[in-house]
């Protein structure tokens, strides 16, 4: 963040990162895999939760989260291949996902 980052995306929920992002008023998107992690991240100031890996959970999980927590903004990410992108995108829109992330694996 000292280099000017406006947001931080992490693969897991980490309280220490939440504290720094809140202090610097930077958007923080933690990777969460359960309702407990999602609720804890929101209590720590998270605005958008990254559901990771999205291919494991699918649109049904996103929709189920909206029952007890309709205020939760979810960004599913990880493990979605390009051939499934369009059909999965339509299902994610129907279950009211906040945003979706598709991409490719980059090997360094």
PDB file of N, CA and C in Angstrom:
ATOM      1  N   UNK A   1       0.820  -1.191   0.000  1.00  0.00           N
ATOM      2  CA  UNK A   1       0.000   0.000   0.000  1.00  0.00           C
ATOM      3  C   UNK A   1       0.862   1.252   0.000  1.00  0.00           C
ATOM      4  N   UNK A   2       2.072   1.131   0.467  1.00  0.00           N
ATOM      5  CA  UNK A   2       2.957   2.283   0.445  1.00  0.00           C
ATOM      6  C   UNK A   2       3.282   2.692  -0.983  1.00  0.00           C
ATOM      7  N   UNK A   3       3.116   1.756  -1.928  1.00  0.00           N
ATOM      8  CA  UNK A   3       3.371   2.052  -3.340  1.00  0.00           C
ATOM      9  C   UNK A   3       2.143   2.609  -4.042  1.00  0.00           C
ATOM     10  N   UNK A   4       1.053   2.812  -3.316  1.00  0.00           N
ATOM     11  CA  UNK A   4      -0.129   3.430  -3.897  1.00  0.00           C
ATOM     12  C   UNK A   4      -1.268   2.492  -4.231  1.00  0.00           C
ATOM     13  N   UNK A   5      -1.285   1.291  -3.693  1.00  0.00           N
ATOM     14  CA  UNK A   5      -2.383   0.359  -3.970  1.00  0.00           C
ATOM     15  C   UNK A   5      -3.694   0.896  -3.401  1.00  0.00           C
ATOM     16  N   UNK A   6      -4.752   0.801  -4.184  1.00  0.00           N
ATOM     17  CA  UNK A   6      -6.078   1.230  -3.743  1.00  0.00           C
ATOM     18  C   UNK A   6      -6.916   0.080  -3.214  1.00  0.00           C
ATOM     19  N   UNK A   7      -6.480  -1.155  -3.489  1.00  0.00           N
ATOM     20  CA  UNK A   7      -7.201  -2.323  -2.999  1.00  0.00           C
ATOM     21  C   UNK A   7      -6.229  -3.487  -2.834  1.00  0.00           C
ATOM     22  N   UNK A   8      -6.617  -4.422  -1.982  1.00  0.00           N
ATOM     23  CA  UNK A   8      -5.813  -5.615  -1.708  1.00  0.00           C
ATOM     24  C   UNK A   8      -6.712  -6.837  -1.872  1.00  0.00           C
ATOM     25  N   UNK A   9      -6.252  -7.830  -2.645  1.00  0.00           N
ATOM     26  CA  UNK A   9      -6.969  -9.090  -2.816  1.00  0.00           C
ATOM     27  C   UNK A   9      -6.078 -10.185  -2.236  1.00  0.00           C
ATOM     28  N   UNK A  10      -6.623 -10.950  -1.296  1.00  0.00           N
ATOM     29  CA  UNK A  10      -5.844 -12.008  -0.663  1.00  0.00           C
ATOM     30  C   UNK A  10      -6.509 -13.365  -0.875  1.00  0.00           C
ATOM     31  N   UNK A  11      -5.725 -14.435  -0.900  1.00  0.00           N
ATOM     32  CA  UNK A  11      -6.317 -15.762  -1.100  1.00  0.00           C
ATOM     33  C   UNK A  11      -7.026 -16.307   0.135  1.00  0.00           C
ATOM     34  N   UNK A  12      -6.724 -15.749   1.308  1.00  0.00           N
ATOM     35  CA  UNK A  12      -7.313 -16.218   2.564  1.00  0.00           C
ATOM     36  C   UNK A  12      -7.689 -15.023   3.434  1.00  0.00           C
ATOM     37  N   UNK A  13      -8.490 -15.286   4.465  1.00  0.00           N
ATOM     38  CA  UNK A  13      -8.835 -14.250   5.434  1.00  0.00           C
ATOM     39  C   UNK A  13      -7.686 -14.110   6.432  1.00  0.00           C
ATOM     40  N   UNK A  14      -7.173 -12.861   6.581  1.00  0.00           N
ATOM     41  CA  UNK A  14      -6.132 -12.578   7.574  1.00  0.00           C
ATOM     42  C   UNK A  14      -6.477 -11.299   8.309  1.00  0.00           C
ATOM     43  N   UNK A  15      -6.619 -11.419   9.614  1.00  0.00           N
ATOM     44  CA  UNK A  15      -7.016 -10.278  10.442  1.00  0.00           C
ATOM     45  C   UNK A  15      -5.992  -9.149  10.383  1.00  0.00           C
ATOM     46  N   UNK A  16      -4.699  -9.466  10.340  1.00  0.00           N
ATOM     47  CA  UNK A  16      -3.673  -8.428  10.310  1.00  0.00           C
ATOM     48  C   UNK A  16      -3.765  -7.576   9.042  1.00  0.00           C
ATOM     49  N   UNK A  17      -4.107  -8.199   7.930  1.00  0.00           N
ATOM     50  CA  UNK A  17      -4.271  -7.445   6.684  1.00  0.00           C
ATOM     51  C   UNK A  17      -5.515  -6.571   6.760  1.00  0.00           C
ATOM     52  N   UNK A  18      -6.579  -7.082   7.367  1.00  0.00           N
ATOM     53  CA  UNK A  18      -7.812  -6.293   7.540  1.00  0.00           C
ATOM     54  C   UNK A  18      -7.529  -5.018   8.325  1.00  0.00           C
ATOM     55  N   UNK A  19      -6.764  -5.134   9.392  1.00  0.00           N
ATOM     56  CA  UNK A  19      -6.466  -3.981  10.232  1.00  0.00           C
ATOM     57  C   UNK A  19      -5.703  -2.916   9.451  1.00  0.00           C
ATOM     58  N   UNK A  20      -4.693  -3.333   8.690  1.00  0.00           N
ATOM     59  CA  UNK A  20      -3.894  -2.376   7.910  1.00  0.00           C
ATOM     60  C   UNK A  20      -4.745  -1.718   6.826  1.00  0.00           C
ATOM     61  N   UNK A  21      -5.551  -2.509   6.114  1.00  0.00           N
ATOM     62  CA  UNK A  21      -6.396  -1.952   5.048  1.00  0.00           C
ATOM     63  C   UNK A  21      -7.413  -0.964   5.609  1.00  0.00           C
ATOM     64  N   UNK A  22      -8.020  -1.296   6.749  1.00  0.00           N
ATOM     65  CA  UNK A  22      -8.976  -0.371   7.363  1.00  0.00           C
ATOM     66  C   UNK A  22      -8.293   0.917   7.787  1.00  0.00           C
ATOM     67  N   UNK A  23      -7.103   0.803   8.341  1.00  0.00           N
ATOM     68  CA  UNK A  23      -6.356   1.983   8.775  1.00  0.00           C
ATOM     69  C   UNK A  23      -6.025   2.890   7.587  1.00  0.00           C
ATOM     70  N   UNK A  24      -5.700   2.283   6.436  1.00  0.00           N
ATOM     71  CA  UNK A  24      -5.314   3.048   5.244  1.00  0.00           C
ATOM     72  C   UNK A  24      -6.507   3.358   4.324  1.00  0.00           C
ATOM     73  N   UNK A  25      -7.704   2.897   4.734  1.00  0.00           N
ATOM     74  CA  UNK A  25      -8.933   3.085   3.956  1.00  0.00           C
ATOM     75  C   UNK A  25      -8.809   2.510   2.539  1.00  0.00           C
ATOM     76  N   UNK A  26      -8.230   1.314   2.464  1.00  0.00           N
ATOM     77  CA  UNK A  26      -8.074   0.600   1.202  1.00  0.00           C
ATOM     78  C   UNK A  26      -9.084  -0.536   1.142  1.00  0.00           C
ATOM     79  N   UNK A  27      -9.686  -0.741  -0.026  1.00  0.00           N
ATOM     80  CA  UNK A  27     -10.605  -1.856  -0.227  1.00  0.00           C
ATOM     81  C   UNK A  27      -9.843  -3.161  -0.046  1.00  0.00           C
ATOM     82  N   UNK A  28     -10.450  -4.086   0.681  1.00  0.00           N
ATOM     83  CA  UNK A  28      -9.820  -5.361   0.993  1.00  0.00           C
ATOM     84  C   UNK A  28     -10.773  -6.477   0.620  1.00  0.00           C
ATOM     85  N   UNK A  29     -10.316  -7.415  -0.234  1.00  0.00           N
ATOM     86  CA  UNK A  29     -11.126  -8.541  -0.676  1.00  0.00           C
ATOM     87  C   UNK A  29     -10.456  -9.841  -0.230  1.00  0.00           C
ATOM     88  N   UNK A  30     -10.847 -10.370   0.936  1.00  0.00           N
ATOM     89  CA  UNK A  30     -10.236 -11.606   1.418  1.00  0.00           C
ATOM     90  C   UNK A  30     -10.878 -12.841   0.793  1.00  0.00           C
ATOM     91  N   UNK A  31     -10.072 -13.867   0.581  1.00  0.00           N
ATOM     92  CA  UNK A  31     -10.600 -15.144   0.123  1.00  0.00           C
ATOM     93  C   UNK A  31     -11.249 -15.878   1.274  1.00  0.00           C
ATOM     94  N   UNK A  32     -12.513 -16.220   1.135  1.00  0.00           N
ATOM     95  CA  UNK A  32     -13.255 -16.920   2.186  1.00  0.00           C
ATOM     96  C   UNK A  32     -13.882 -18.178   1.600  1.00  0.00           C
ATOM     97  N   UNK A  33     -14.049 -19.189   2.455  1.00  0.00           N
ATOM     98  CA  UNK A  33     -14.615 -20.442   1.989  1.00  0.00           C
ATOM     99  C   UNK A  33     -15.742 -20.974   2.843  1.00  0.00           C
ATOM    100  N   UNK A  34     -16.208 -20.180   3.808  1.00  0.00           N
ATOM    101  CA  UNK A  34     -17.313 -20.627   4.651  1.00  0.00           C
ATOM    102  C   UNK A  34     -18.113 -19.416   5.114  1.00  0.00           C
ATOM    103  N   UNK A  35     -19.324 -19.673   5.574  1.00  0.00           N
ATOM    104  CA  UNK A  35     -20.164 -18.590   6.092  1.00  0.00           C
ATOM    105  C   UNK A  35     -19.507 -17.937   7.301  1.00  0.00           C
ATOM    106  N   UNK A  36     -18.831 -18.727   8.122  1.00  0.00           N
ATOM    107  CA  UNK A  36     -18.139 -18.182   9.297  1.00  0.00           C
ATOM    108  C   UNK A  36     -17.028 -17.223   8.879  1.00  0.00           C
ATOM    109  N   UNK A  37     -16.220 -17.620   7.891  1.00  0.00           N
ATOM    110  CA  UNK A  37     -15.158 -16.731   7.411  1.00  0.00           C
ATOM    111  C   UNK A  37     -15.738 -15.465   6.801  1.00  0.00           C
ATOM    112  N   UNK A  38     -16.825 -15.596   6.054  1.00  0.00           N
ATOM    113  CA  UNK A  38     -17.460 -14.436   5.436  1.00  0.00           C
ATOM    114  C   UNK A  38     -17.963 -13.473   6.501  1.00  0.00           C
ATOM    115  N   UNK A  39     -18.658 -13.997   7.513  1.00  0.00           N
ATOM    116  CA  UNK A  39     -19.184 -13.150   8.589  1.00  0.00           C
ATOM    117  C   UNK A  39     -18.049 -12.469   9.357  1.00  0.00           C
ATOM    118  N   UNK A  40     -16.977 -13.196   9.629  1.00  0.00           N
ATOM    119  CA  UNK A  40     -15.837 -12.628  10.343  1.00  0.00           C
ATOM    120  C   UNK A  40     -15.171 -11.528   9.515  1.00  0.00           C
ATOM    121  N   UNK A  41     -15.007 -11.769   8.219  1.00  0.00           N
ATOM    122  CA  UNK A  41     -14.412 -10.755   7.341  1.00  0.00           C
ATOM    123  C   UNK A  41     -15.261  -9.485   7.326  1.00  0.00           C
ATOM    124  N   UNK A  42     -16.576  -9.646   7.271  1.00  0.00           N
ATOM    125  CA  UNK A  42     -17.460  -8.480   7.282  1.00  0.00           C
ATOM    126  C   UNK A  42     -17.372  -7.732   8.610  1.00  0.00           C
ATOM    127  N   UNK A  43     -17.253  -8.463   9.703  1.00  0.00           N
ATOM    128  CA  UNK A  43     -17.091  -7.819  11.009  1.00  0.00           C
ATOM    129  C   UNK A  43     -15.783  -7.033  11.083  1.00  0.00           C
ATOM    130  N   UNK A  44     -14.782  -7.468  10.305  1.00  0.00           N
ATOM    131  CA  UNK A  44     -13.488  -6.782  10.275  1.00  0.00           C
ATOM    132  C   UNK A  44     -13.456  -5.660   9.242  1.00  0.00           C
ATOM    133  N   UNK A  45     -14.613  -5.358   8.625  1.00  0.00           N
ATOM    134  CA  UNK A  45     -14.692  -4.225   7.712  1.00  0.00           C
ATOM    135  C   UNK A  45     -14.666  -4.547   6.237  1.00  0.00           C
ATOM    136  N   UNK A  46     -14.728  -5.821   5.879  1.00  0.00           N
ATOM    137  CA  UNK A  46     -14.702  -6.217   4.476  1.00  0.00           C
ATOM    138  C   UNK A  46     -15.996  -5.792   3.774  1.00  0.00           C
ATOM    139  N   UNK A  47     -15.866  -5.182   2.596  1.00  0.00           N
ATOM    140  CA  UNK A  47     -17.026  -4.746   1.807  1.00  0.00           C
ATOM    141  C   UNK A  47     -17.426  -5.793   0.762  1.00  0.00           C
ATOM    142  N   UNK A  48     -16.423  -6.462   0.177  1.00  0.00           N
ATOM    143  CA  UNK A  48     -16.661  -7.483  -0.847  1.00  0.00           C
ATOM    144  C   UNK A  48     -15.831  -8.709  -0.479  1.00  0.00           C
ATOM    145  N   UNK A  49     -16.479  -9.870  -0.443  1.00  0.00           N
ATOM    146  CA  UNK A  49     -15.806 -11.120  -0.101  1.00  0.00           C
ATOM    147  C   UNK A  49     -15.464 -11.872  -1.375  1.00  0.00           C
ATOM    148  N   UNK A  50     -14.226 -12.343  -1.463  1.00  0.00           N
ATOM    149  CA  UNK A  50     -13.801 -13.173  -2.587  1.00  0.00           C
ATOM    150  C   UNK A  50     -14.070 -14.628  -2.211  1.00  0.00           C
ATOM    151  N   UNK A  51     -14.987 -15.278  -2.918  1.00  0.00           N
ATOM    152  CA  UNK A  51     -15.278 -16.692  -2.675  1.00  0.00           C
ATOM    153  C   UNK A  51     -14.254 -17.499  -3.456  1.00  0.00           C
ATOM    154  N   UNK A  52     -13.409 -18.212  -2.734  1.00  0.00           N
ATOM    155  CA  UNK A  52     -12.297 -18.910  -3.363  1.00  0.00           C
ATOM    156  C   UNK A  52     -12.181 -20.326  -2.820  1.00  0.00           C
ATOM    157  N   UNK A  53     -12.034 -21.300  -3.668  1.00  0.00           N
ATOM    158  CA  UNK A  53     -12.145 -21.268  -5.122  1.00  0.00           C
ATOM    159  C   UNK A  53     -13.603 -21.350  -5.579  1.00  0.00           C
ATOM    160  N   UNK A  54     -13.971 -20.460  -6.470  1.00  0.00           N
ATOM    161  CA  UNK A  54     -15.350 -20.372  -6.943  1.00  0.00           C
ATOM    162  C   UNK A  54     -15.835 -21.629  -7.637  1.00  0.00           C
ATOM    163  N   UNK A  55     -14.928 -22.348  -8.305  1.00  0.00           N
ATOM    164  CA  UNK A  55     -15.329 -23.559  -9.020  1.00  0.00           C
ATOM    165  C   UNK A  55     -15.782 -24.657  -8.062  1.00  0.00           C
ATOM    166  N   UNK A  56     -15.300 -24.635  -6.844  1.00  0.00           N
ATOM    167  CA  UNK A  56     -15.680 -25.634  -5.850  1.00  0.00           C
ATOM    168  C   UNK A  56     -17.084 -25.386  -5.320  1.00  0.00           C
ATOM    169  N   UNK A  57     -17.435 -24.128  -5.139  1.00  0.00           N
ATOM    170  CA  UNK A  57     -18.709 -23.775  -4.521  1.00  0.00           C
ATOM    171  C   UNK A  57     -19.836 -23.607  -5.527  1.00  0.00           C
ATOM    172  N   UNK A  58     -19.602 -22.875  -6.588  1.00  0.00           N
ATOM    173  CA  UNK A  58     -20.619 -22.676  -7.609  1.00  0.00           C
ATOM    174  C   UNK A  58     -21.705 -21.698  -7.201  1.00  0.00           C
ATOM    175  N   UNK A  59     -22.586 -21.355  -8.144  1.00  0.00           N
ATOM    176  CA  UNK A  59     -23.642 -20.366  -7.907  1.00  0.00           C
ATOM    177  C   UNK A  59     -24.612 -20.738  -6.790  1.00  0.00           C
ATOM    178  N   UNK A  60     -24.799 -22.011  -6.522  1.00  0.00           N
ATOM    179  CA  UNK A  60     -25.720 -22.417  -5.463  1.00  0.00           C
ATOM    180  C   UNK A  60     -25.264 -21.935  -4.092  1.00  0.00           C
ATOM    181  N   UNK A  61     -23.967 -21.959  -3.851  1.00  0.00           N
ATOM    182  CA  UNK A  61     -23.427 -21.494  -2.573  1.00  0.00           C
ATOM    183  C   UNK A  61     -23.636 -19.991  -2.435  1.00  0.00           C
ATOM    184  N   UNK A  62     -23.361 -19.262  -3.507  1.00  0.00           N
ATOM    185  CA  UNK A  62     -23.544 -17.801  -3.493  1.00  0.00           C
ATOM    186  C   UNK A  62     -24.989 -17.446  -3.163  1.00  0.00           C
ATOM    187  N   UNK A  63     -25.912 -18.148  -3.792  1.00  0.00           N
ATOM    188  CA  UNK A  63     -27.331 -17.888  -3.568  1.00  0.00           C
ATOM    189  C   UNK A  63     -27.730 -18.245  -2.129  1.00  0.00           C
ATOM    190  N   UNK A  64     -27.182 -19.332  -1.610  1.00  0.00           N
ATOM    191  CA  UNK A  64     -27.503 -19.747  -0.247  1.00  0.00           C
ATOM    192  C   UNK A  64     -27.005 -18.738   0.784  1.00  0.00           C
ATOM    193  N   UNK A  65     -25.885 -18.110   0.539  1.00  0.00           N
ATOM    194  CA  UNK A  65     -25.331 -17.093   1.454  1.00  0.00           C
ATOM    195  C   UNK A  65     -26.277 -15.898   1.541  1.00  0.00           C
ATOM    196  N   UNK A  66     -26.917 -15.566   0.420  1.00  0.00           N
ATOM    197  CA  UNK A  66     -27.816 -14.404   0.392  1.00  0.00           C
ATOM    198  C   UNK A  66     -29.051 -14.596   1.267  1.00  0.00           C
ATOM    199  N   UNK A  67     -29.382 -15.830   1.648  1.00  0.00           N
ATOM    200  CA  UNK A  67     -30.523 -16.072   2.542  1.00  0.00           C
ATOM    201  C   UNK A  67     -30.300 -15.467   3.912  1.00  0.00           C
ATOM    202  N   UNK A  68     -29.301 -15.965   4.653  1.00  0.00           N
ATOM    203  CA  UNK A  68     -29.067 -15.416   5.987  1.00  0.00           C
ATOM    204  C   UNK A  68     -28.333 -14.077   5.981  1.00  0.00           C
ATOM    205  N   UNK A  69     -27.623 -13.761   4.905  1.00  0.00           N
ATOM    206  CA  UNK A  69     -26.839 -12.526   4.845  1.00  0.00           C
ATOM    207  C   UNK A  69     -27.079 -11.808   3.510  1.00  0.00           C
ATOM    208  N   UNK A  70     -28.248 -11.221   3.306  1.00  0.00           N
ATOM    209  CA  UNK A  70     -28.552 -10.591   2.016  1.00  0.00           C
ATOM    210  C   UNK A  70     -27.673  -9.382   1.701  1.00  0.00           C
ATOM    211  N   UNK A  71     -27.017  -8.821   2.682  1.00  0.00           N
ATOM    212  CA  UNK A  71     -26.154  -7.650   2.487  1.00  0.00           C
ATOM    213  C   UNK A  71     -24.767  -8.024   1.967  1.00  0.00           C
ATOM    214  N   UNK A  72     -24.430  -9.308   1.962  1.00  0.00           N
ATOM    215  CA  UNK A  72     -23.089  -9.742   1.580  1.00  0.00           C
ATOM    216  C   UNK A  72     -22.848  -9.582   0.087  1.00  0.00           C
ATOM    217  N   UNK A  73     -21.731  -8.922  -0.251  1.00  0.00           N
ATOM    218  CA  UNK A  73     -21.297  -8.782  -1.643  1.00  0.00           C
ATOM    219  C   UNK A  73     -20.229  -9.829  -1.905  1.00  0.00           C
ATOM    220  N   UNK A  74     -20.477 -10.691  -2.896  1.00  0.00           N
ATOM    221  CA  UNK A  74     -19.604 -11.835  -3.167  1.00  0.00           C
ATOM    222  C   UNK A  74     -18.971 -11.718  -4.544  1.00  0.00           C
ATOM    223  N   UNK A  75     -17.660 -12.007  -4.619  1.00  0.00           N
ATOM    224  CA  UNK A  75     -16.942 -12.083  -5.882  1.00  0.00           C
ATOM    225  C   UNK A  75     -16.352 -13.485  -5.998  1.00  0.00           C
ATOM    226  N   UNK A  76     -17.030 -14.405  -6.715  1.00  0.00           N
ATOM    227  CA  UNK A  76     -16.453 -15.737  -6.900  1.00  0.00           C
ATOM    228  C   UNK A  76     -15.236 -15.660  -7.824  1.00  0.00           C
ATOM    229  N   UNK A  77     -14.206 -16.386  -7.498  1.00  0.00           N
ATOM    230  CA  UNK A  77     -13.003 -16.388  -8.327  1.00  0.00           C
ATOM    231  C   UNK A  77     -12.263 -17.715  -8.180  1.00  0.00           C
ATOM    232  N   UNK A  78     -11.569 -18.109  -9.228  1.00  0.00           N
ATOM    233  CA  UNK A  78     -10.713 -19.287  -9.184  1.00  0.00           C
ATOM    234  C   UNK A  78     -11.329 -20.536  -9.766  1.00  0.00           C
ATOM    235  N   UNK A  79     -10.617 -21.117 -10.744  1.00  0.00           N
ATOM    236  CA  UNK A  79     -10.985 -22.423 -11.256  1.00  0.00           C
ATOM    237  C   UNK A  79     -12.109 -22.466 -12.263  1.00  0.00           C
ATOM    238  N   UNK A  80     -12.428 -21.344 -12.891  1.00  0.00           N
ATOM    239  CA  UNK A  80     -13.489 -21.334 -13.891  1.00  0.00           C
ATOM    240  C   UNK A  80     -12.845 -21.290 -15.272  1.00  0.00           C
ATOM    241  N   UNK A  81     -13.075 -22.334 -16.060  1.00  0.00           N
ATOM    242  CA  UNK A  81     -12.474 -22.384 -17.392  1.00  0.00           C
ATOM    243  C   UNK A  81     -13.279 -21.552 -18.383  1.00  0.00           C
ATOM    244  N   UNK A  82     -12.646 -21.170 -19.478  1.00  0.00           N
ATOM    245  CA  UNK A  82     -13.290 -20.285 -20.450  1.00  0.00           C
ATOM    246  C   UNK A  82     -14.519 -20.914 -21.097  1.00  0.00           C
ATOM    247  N   UNK A  83     -14.555 -22.254 -21.249  1.00  0.00           N
ATOM    248  CA  UNK A  83     -15.727 -22.881 -21.862  1.00  0.00           C
ATOM    249  C   UNK A  83     -16.948 -22.826 -20.942  1.00  0.00           C
ATOM    250  N   UNK A  84     -16.736 -22.691 -19.646  1.00  0.00           N
ATOM    251  CA  UNK A  84     -17.849 -22.581 -18.704  1.00  0.00           C
ATOM    252  C   UNK A  84     -18.196 -21.130 -18.370  1.00  0.00           C
ATOM    253  N   UNK A  85     -17.384 -20.209 -18.852  1.00  0.00           N
ATOM    254  CA  UNK A  85     -17.514 -18.815 -18.441  1.00  0.00           C
ATOM    255  C   UNK A  85     -18.901 -18.243 -18.670  1.00  0.00           C
ATOM    256  N   UNK A  86     -19.454 -18.378 -19.860  1.00  0.00           N
ATOM    257  CA  UNK A  86     -20.744 -17.757 -20.169  1.00  0.00           C
ATOM    258  C   UNK A  86     -21.891 -18.407 -19.399  1.00  0.00           C
ATOM    259  N   UNK A  87     -21.961 -19.723 -19.370  1.00  0.00           N
ATOM    260  CA  UNK A  87     -23.071 -20.365 -18.658  1.00  0.00           C
ATOM    261  C   UNK A  87     -22.997 -20.085 -17.163  1.00  0.00           C
ATOM    262  N   UNK A  88     -21.795 -20.094 -16.618  1.00  0.00           N
ATOM    263  CA  UNK A  88     -21.648 -19.823 -15.198  1.00  0.00           C
ATOM    264  C   UNK A  88     -21.945 -18.350 -14.900  1.00  0.00           C
ATOM    265  N   UNK A  89     -21.542 -17.441 -15.781  1.00  0.00           N
ATOM    266  CA  UNK A  89     -21.810 -16.009 -15.585  1.00  0.00           C
ATOM    267  C   UNK A  89     -23.304 -15.752 -15.484  1.00  0.00           C
ATOM    268  N   UNK A  90     -24.081 -16.387 -16.347  1.00  0.00           N
ATOM    269  CA  UNK A  90     -25.533 -16.196 -16.313  1.00  0.00           C
ATOM    270  C   UNK A  90     -26.113 -16.676 -14.986  1.00  0.00           C
ATOM    271  N   UNK A  91     -25.632 -17.824 -14.497  1.00  0.00           N
ATOM    272  CA  UNK A  91     -26.122 -18.337 -13.216  1.00  0.00           C
ATOM    273  C   UNK A  91     -25.703 -17.432 -12.067  1.00  0.00           C
ATOM    274  N   UNK A  92     -24.495 -16.881 -12.127  1.00  0.00           N
ATOM    275  CA  UNK A  92     -24.024 -15.999 -11.057  1.00  0.00           C
ATOM    276  C   UNK A  92     -24.808 -14.695 -11.033  1.00  0.00           C
ATOM    277  N   UNK A  93     -25.205 -14.198 -12.194  1.00  0.00           N
ATOM    278  CA  UNK A  93     -26.025 -12.988 -12.247  1.00  0.00           C
ATOM    279  C   UNK A  93     -27.389 -13.272 -11.624  1.00  0.00           C
ATOM    280  N   UNK A  94     -27.957 -14.429 -11.925  1.00  0.00           N
ATOM    281  CA  UNK A  94     -29.260 -14.790 -11.362  1.00  0.00           C
ATOM    282  C   UNK A  94     -29.219 -14.906  -9.841  1.00  0.00           C
ATOM    283  N   UNK A  95     -28.072 -15.309  -9.284  1.00  0.00           N
ATOM    284  CA  UNK A  95     -28.007 -15.441  -7.827  1.00  0.00           C
ATOM    285  C   UNK A  95     -27.443 -14.175  -7.176  1.00  0.00           C
ATOM    286  N   UNK A  96     -27.349 -13.100  -7.932  1.00  0.00           N
ATOM    287  CA  UNK A  96     -27.008 -11.768  -7.430  1.00  0.00           C
ATOM    288  C   UNK A  96     -25.588 -11.633  -6.889  1.00  0.00           C
ATOM    289  N   UNK A  97     -24.606 -12.206  -7.583  1.00  0.00           N
ATOM    290  CA  UNK A  97     -23.218 -11.997  -7.188  1.00  0.00           C
ATOM    291  C   UNK A  97     -22.840 -10.550  -7.471  1.00  0.00           C
ATOM    292  N   UNK A  98     -22.008 -10.000  -6.623  1.00  0.00           N
ATOM    293  CA  UNK A  98     -21.605  -8.601  -6.734  1.00  0.00           C
ATOM    294  C   UNK A  98     -20.743  -8.386  -7.968  1.00  0.00           C
ATOM    295  N   UNK A  99     -19.731  -9.215  -8.143  1.00  0.00           N
ATOM    296  CA  UNK A  99     -18.912  -9.216  -9.345  1.00  0.00           C
ATOM    297  C   UNK A  99     -18.281 -10.567  -9.510  1.00  0.00           C
ATOM    298  N   UNK A 100     -17.751 -10.810 -10.706  1.00  0.00           N
ATOM    299  CA  UNK A 100     -17.152 -12.090 -11.042  1.00  0.00           C
ATOM    300  C   UNK A 100     -15.763 -11.850 -11.584  1.00  0.00           C
ATOM    301  N   UNK A 101     -14.855 -12.754 -11.315  1.00  0.00           N
ATOM    302  CA  UNK A 101     -13.505 -12.620 -11.842  1.00  0.00           C
ATOM    303  C   UNK A 101     -13.159 -13.883 -12.611  1.00  0.00           C
ATOM    304  N   UNK A 102     -12.812 -13.696 -13.869  1.00  0.00           N
ATOM    305  CA  UNK A 102     -12.332 -14.791 -14.693  1.00  0.00           C
ATOM    306  C   UNK A 102     -10.938 -14.433 -15.176  1.00  0.00           C
ATOM    307  N   UNK A 103     -10.127 -15.409 -15.383  1.00  0.00           N
ATOM    308  CA  UNK A 103      -8.783 -15.116 -15.862  1.00  0.00           C
ATOM    309  C   UNK A 103      -8.070 -16.397 -16.239  1.00  0.00           C
ATOM    310  N   UNK A 104      -6.790 -16.245 -16.400  1.00  0.00           N
ATOM    311  CA  UNK A 104      -5.945 -17.381 -16.748  1.00  0.00           C
ATOM    312  C   UNK A 104      -4.865 -17.514 -15.692  1.00  0.00           C
ATOM    313  N   UNK A 105      -4.291 -18.703 -15.625  1.00  0.00           N
ATOM    314  CA  UNK A 105      -3.196 -18.927 -14.711  1.00  0.00           C
ATOM    315  C   UNK A 105      -1.915 -18.349 -15.302  1.00  0.00           C
ATOM    316  N   UNK A 106      -1.185 -17.619 -14.495  1.00  0.00           N
ATOM    317  CA  UNK A 106       0.091 -17.041 -14.937  1.00  0.00           C
ATOM    318  C   UNK A 106       1.202 -17.733 -14.155  1.00  0.00           C
ATOM    319  N   UNK A 107       2.114 -18.351 -14.874  1.00  0.00           N
ATOM    320  CA  UNK A 107       3.247 -19.017 -14.238  1.00  0.00           C
ATOM    321  C   UNK A 107       4.478 -18.126 -14.344  1.00  0.00           C
ATOM    322  N   UNK A 108       5.121 -17.904 -13.222  1.00  0.00           N
ATOM    323  CA  UNK A 108       6.327 -17.058 -13.220  1.00  0.00           C
ATOM    324  C   UNK A 108       7.569 -17.909 -13.273  1.00  0.00           C
TER     325      UNK A 108
END
